C-alpha cells in the first residue's frame, strides 16, 4: 500500500516537502517560516513578563497561542478575524496552546507568558498541524534567548512536540494530506506527539465512512513515522536559530 503513488507522486507514507526557516521575523524573540508543501505559516514566540490575573502569585508561567489565516491565504479573500469572530481559528489556537503547554515546565518559566502567534500565508491542507510544528521551533528559540537573559530557569522545556495530519482517502491510509486529499477524505485525523513517542493530542473524524481499529492503528503508525522526520527538521532549525 505504501508503494502506491498519490496524485502528487508521493507514497502513502511520505510527507510533502518540508522546510523550516528559523529567525524569519528578525525582531521576534523566536520565529520561523514553516513550509509543508503549499502550506506556509509564519510562527513567532514572544516572551512577556507577567501572567494572566488568574495565574498571579503562583510562581508559574503560561503559554498561549493565536492563529489566523491572512485574507489571501486560501485564494478567495478571507475576512479578517478582527472583523468577524472565526470559530475555526479559535478552536485551532486553543489546540496549539494546549499541545505546546504539554512540554513546558511552568514552575521554571516563572511568572512570564509566552505568546505563540501562527499566521497562515498560504493554506493547502494541514495548517493546524504545521502551526504546532513551527510554533515548537519558535518557542524553543525564544526560551533559549530568555534563559541567556536570565528571564527564566534552565530546563523550561521538558521535551519537544510536533504534529501531522493523516487520513483515509479512497480506502487508503495516507500521511500529510494536502487540500485536495483532505477534501476527499473519508477519515481525517490530526496527531500531535512528543519526542518521547507519547501522544499529546489525537483528533479523528469520520467524514464519509466510519473507521475500524485496524485503520486507526495504520493512521497512528503513519503519523508517528512522519512526526519523527519532522522532529529531526525541528532540531536542525532550532540549532541553526540559536547560532544566528
Protein backbone atom coordinates (compact mmCIF):
# COMPACT_ATOMS: atom_id res chain seq x y z
CA UNK A 1 0.00 0.00 0.00
CA UNK A 2 2.80 2.40 0.89
CA UNK A 3 4.32 1.97 -2.59
CA UNK A 4 1.23 3.19 -4.49
CA UNK A 5 1.56 6.79 -5.60
CA UNK A 6 -0.82 9.64 -4.84
CA UNK A 7 -1.97 12.44 -7.14
CA UNK A 8 1.24 14.41 -6.45
CA UNK A 9 3.54 11.42 -6.83
CA UNK A 10 4.06 10.78 -3.10
CA UNK A 11 3.79 7.40 -1.45
CA UNK A 12 1.15 6.92 1.22
CA UNK A 13 3.77 7.23 4.00
CA UNK A 14 5.56 10.26 2.55
CA UNK A 15 5.49 13.85 3.80
CA UNK A 16 5.23 16.76 1.43
CA UNK A 17 8.48 18.75 1.01
CA UNK A 18 9.18 20.40 4.38
CA UNK A 19 11.30 23.48 5.04
CA UNK A 20 11.70 25.29 8.37
CA UNK A 21 13.45 28.66 8.21
CA UNK A 22 14.39 29.90 11.72
CA UNK A 23 14.58 33.59 12.69
CA UNK A 24 12.29 34.50 9.80
CA UNK A 25 10.99 37.53 11.73
CA UNK A 26 14.11 39.38 12.83
CA UNK A 27 12.56 41.33 15.71
CA UNK A 28 10.81 38.35 17.27
CA UNK A 29 12.43 36.53 20.19
CA UNK A 30 11.74 33.28 18.37
CA UNK A 31 10.34 32.69 14.91
CA UNK A 32 10.30 30.52 11.83
CA UNK A 33 8.67 30.16 8.46
CA UNK A 34 7.07 26.71 8.41
CA UNK A 35 6.51 25.25 4.94
CA UNK A 36 4.84 21.91 4.20
CA UNK A 37 4.10 21.61 0.52
CA UNK A 38 1.90 24.56 -0.42
CA UNK A 39 1.14 25.44 3.22
CA UNK A 40 3.25 28.31 4.56
CA UNK A 41 2.92 29.71 8.09
CA UNK A 42 4.84 32.38 9.99
CA UNK A 43 5.26 31.28 13.63
CA UNK A 44 6.56 33.68 16.27
CA UNK A 45 7.12 33.38 20.02
CA UNK A 46 7.11 36.41 22.31
CA UNK A 47 8.40 36.18 25.88
CA UNK A 48 6.48 38.67 28.06
CA UNK A 49 6.89 39.29 31.78
CA UNK A 50 3.70 38.74 33.76
CA UNK A 51 0.87 36.20 33.61
CA UNK A 52 -2.94 36.32 33.39
CA UNK A 53 -4.64 37.53 36.57
CA UNK A 54 -5.84 34.03 37.48
CA UNK A 55 -2.22 32.82 37.36
CA UNK A 56 -0.66 35.57 39.51
CA UNK A 57 1.09 34.70 42.75
CA UNK A 58 1.60 31.03 41.87
CA UNK A 59 5.21 31.35 40.66
CA UNK A 60 4.23 29.67 37.42
CA UNK A 61 4.21 30.90 33.86
CA UNK A 62 1.82 30.41 30.97
CA UNK A 63 1.85 29.65 27.25
CA UNK A 64 -0.94 30.74 24.93
CA UNK A 65 -1.44 30.86 21.18
CA UNK A 66 -3.22 32.83 18.48
CA UNK A 67 -3.89 31.58 14.96
CA UNK A 68 -5.12 33.43 11.90
CA UNK A 69 -5.35 32.97 8.16
CA UNK A 70 -4.35 36.02 6.14
CA UNK A 71 -7.01 37.33 3.74
CA UNK A 72 -5.50 35.84 0.56
CA UNK A 73 -4.23 32.61 2.15
CA UNK A 74 -6.96 30.45 0.57
CA UNK A 75 -7.19 32.10 -2.86
CA UNK A 76 -10.55 33.76 -2.41
CA UNK A 77 -10.29 36.59 0.13
CA UNK A 78 -10.93 35.56 3.72
CA UNK A 79 -12.37 38.21 6.04
CA UNK A 80 -10.07 39.20 8.89
CA UNK A 81 -10.99 37.61 12.21
CA UNK A 82 -10.86 41.01 13.94
CA UNK A 83 -13.98 41.99 12.00
CA UNK A 84 -15.85 38.72 12.45
CA UNK A 85 -15.11 36.03 15.07
CA UNK A 86 -13.69 32.92 13.44
CA UNK A 87 -14.80 29.85 15.41
CA UNK A 88 -12.45 27.58 13.46
CA UNK A 89 -9.50 29.86 14.21
CA UNK A 90 -10.39 29.95 17.91
CA UNK A 91 -10.56 26.14 18.03
CA UNK A 92 -7.19 25.82 16.29
CA UNK A 93 -5.40 28.33 18.51
CA UNK A 94 -6.70 26.51 21.57
CA UNK A 95 -5.30 23.30 20.12
CA UNK A 96 -1.88 24.90 19.51
CA UNK A 97 -1.68 26.32 23.02
CA UNK A 98 -2.88 23.10 24.63
CA UNK A 99 -0.35 20.96 22.76
CA UNK A 100 2.63 23.25 23.35
CA UNK A 101 1.82 23.60 27.07
CA UNK A 102 2.30 19.83 27.30
CA UNK A 103 6.10 20.20 27.02
CA UNK A 104 6.62 23.23 29.31
CA UNK A 105 7.67 23.23 32.97
CA UNK A 106 5.74 26.24 34.18
CA UNK A 107 7.49 26.38 37.56
CA UNK A 108 10.79 27.00 35.73
CA UNK A 109 9.25 29.61 33.44
CA UNK A 110 8.49 31.91 36.36
CA UNK A 111 5.63 34.39 36.18
CA UNK A 112 6.13 35.01 32.48
CA UNK A 113 3.94 34.36 29.45
CA UNK A 114 4.99 33.03 26.06
CA UNK A 115 2.68 34.14 23.25
CA UNK A 116 2.73 31.95 20.15
CA UNK A 117 1.37 33.60 17.01
CA UNK A 118 0.74 31.49 13.92
CA UNK A 119 -0.26 33.38 10.77
CA UNK A 120 -1.08 31.40 7.65
CA UNK A 121 0.36 32.92 4.48
CA UNK A 122 -0.88 30.15 2.20
CA UNK A 123 -3.12 27.21 3.04
CA UNK A 124 -3.00 23.88 1.24
CA UNK A 125 -4.11 21.49 3.97
CA UNK A 126 -2.62 20.67 7.38
CA UNK A 127 -2.41 24.24 8.67
CA UNK A 128 -3.11 23.38 12.31
CA UNK A 129 -0.50 20.62 12.45
CA UNK A 130 2.08 22.71 10.60
CA UNK A 131 1.38 25.54 13.05
CA UNK A 132 2.06 23.25 16.02
CA UNK A 133 5.33 22.04 14.47
CA UNK A 134 6.51 25.56 13.64
CA UNK A 135 5.40 27.02 16.97
CA UNK A 136 7.59 24.48 18.78
CA UNK A 137 10.63 25.77 16.87
CA UNK A 138 9.79 29.41 17.58
CA UNK A 139 9.18 28.66 21.26
CA UNK A 140 12.44 26.72 21.69
CA UNK A 141 14.46 29.58 20.20
CA UNK A 142 12.65 32.15 22.35
CA UNK A 143 13.17 30.09 25.53
CA UNK A 144 16.87 29.75 24.79
CA UNK A 145 17.23 33.51 24.44
CA UNK A 146 15.17 34.15 27.56
CA UNK A 147 17.47 31.84 29.57
CA UNK A 148 20.51 33.68 28.25
CA UNK A 149 18.97 36.93 29.50
CA UNK A 150 18.26 35.44 32.94
CA UNK A 151 14.49 35.69 32.49
CA UNK A 152 13.78 32.04 33.27
CA UNK A 153 15.47 28.91 34.58
CA UNK A 154 17.16 26.19 32.58
CA UNK A 155 15.08 23.20 31.57
CA UNK A 156 11.87 25.08 30.89
CA UNK A 157 11.16 22.73 28.02
CA UNK A 158 10.86 19.12 29.11
CA UNK A 159 10.72 17.90 25.54
CA UNK A 160 9.54 18.71 22.06
CA UNK A 161 6.32 18.19 20.18
CA UNK A 162 5.30 18.05 16.52
CA UNK A 163 2.10 17.29 14.67
CA UNK A 164 0.93 15.95 11.33
CA UNK A 165 -2.29 15.11 9.56
CA UNK A 166 -3.27 11.64 8.39
CA UNK A 167 -6.41 10.28 6.83
CA UNK A 168 -8.12 7.67 4.71
CA UNK A 169 -8.67 8.58 1.07
CA UNK A 170 -10.20 6.06 -1.36
CA UNK A 171 -9.83 3.40 1.31
CA UNK A 172 -6.09 4.01 1.83
CA UNK A 173 -4.39 5.44 4.91
CA UNK A 174 -2.24 8.43 3.92
CA UNK A 175 0.18 10.78 5.66
CA UNK A 176 0.16 14.59 5.48
CA UNK A 177 -2.95 15.31 3.42
CA UNK A 178 -2.96 18.31 1.11
CA UNK A 179 -6.16 20.23 0.44
CA UNK A 180 -7.31 18.04 -2.45
CA UNK A 181 -6.88 14.88 -0.37
CA UNK A 182 -8.38 16.42 2.75
CA UNK A 183 -11.46 17.48 0.79
CA UNK A 184 -11.97 13.92 -0.43
CA UNK A 185 -11.00 12.13 2.79
CA UNK A 186 -13.27 9.50 4.30
CA UNK A 187 -11.47 9.96 7.63
CA UNK A 188 -9.46 12.97 8.77
CA UNK A 189 -7.07 12.84 11.73
CA UNK A 190 -4.60 15.24 13.36
CA UNK A 191 -1.94 13.79 15.63
CA UNK A 192 0.49 15.57 17.98
CA UNK A 193 3.27 13.58 19.62
CA UNK A 194 6.25 14.27 21.88
CA UNK A 195 9.86 13.44 21.17
CA UNK A 196 9.46 10.56 23.61
CA UNK A 197 6.79 8.99 21.41
CA UNK A 198 3.83 9.93 23.63
CA UNK A 199 0.62 11.25 22.11
CA UNK A 200 -0.45 14.72 23.21
CA UNK A 201 -3.49 15.12 21.01
CA UNK A 202 -5.39 12.86 18.61
CA UNK A 203 -8.33 14.33 16.71
CA UNK A 204 -10.08 11.87 14.39
CA UNK A 205 -13.30 12.41 12.49
CA UNK A 206 -15.23 10.16 10.13
CA UNK A 207 -16.08 12.48 7.25
CA UNK A 208 -17.80 9.92 4.99
CA UNK A 209 -17.29 6.38 6.33
CA UNK A 210 -16.76 5.02 9.85
CA UNK A 211 -13.32 3.52 10.50
CA UNK A 212 -12.21 0.48 12.46
CA UNK A 213 -9.37 -0.30 14.84
CA UNK A 214 -7.05 -1.58 12.14
CA UNK A 215 -7.42 1.64 10.15
CA UNK A 216 -6.86 3.68 13.31
CA UNK A 217 -3.66 1.76 14.04
CA UNK A 218 -2.40 2.29 10.48
CA UNK A 219 -3.03 6.04 10.71
CA UNK A 220 -1.28 6.31 14.06
CA UNK A 221 1.74 4.43 12.72
CA UNK A 222 1.90 6.72 9.69
CA UNK A 223 1.63 9.77 11.92
CA UNK A 224 4.38 8.56 14.26
CA UNK A 225 6.75 7.97 11.35
CA UNK A 226 6.05 11.39 9.87
CA UNK A 227 6.44 13.14 13.22
CA UNK A 228 9.85 11.57 13.79
CA UNK A 229 11.01 13.06 10.47
CA UNK A 230 9.54 16.45 11.38
CA UNK A 231 11.33 16.42 14.73
CA UNK A 232 14.67 15.93 13.03
CA UNK A 233 13.99 19.03 10.94
CA UNK A 234 12.85 20.88 14.07
CA UNK A 235 16.10 20.12 15.88
CA UNK A 236 18.16 21.32 12.93
CA UNK A 237 16.14 24.53 12.69
CA UNK A 238 16.40 25.26 16.42
CA UNK A 239 20.17 24.71 16.48
CA UNK A 240 20.59 26.97 13.45
CA UNK A 241 18.31 29.58 15.03
CA UNK A 242 20.35 29.63 18.23
CA UNK A 243 23.60 30.13 16.31
CA UNK A 244 22.39 33.03 14.18
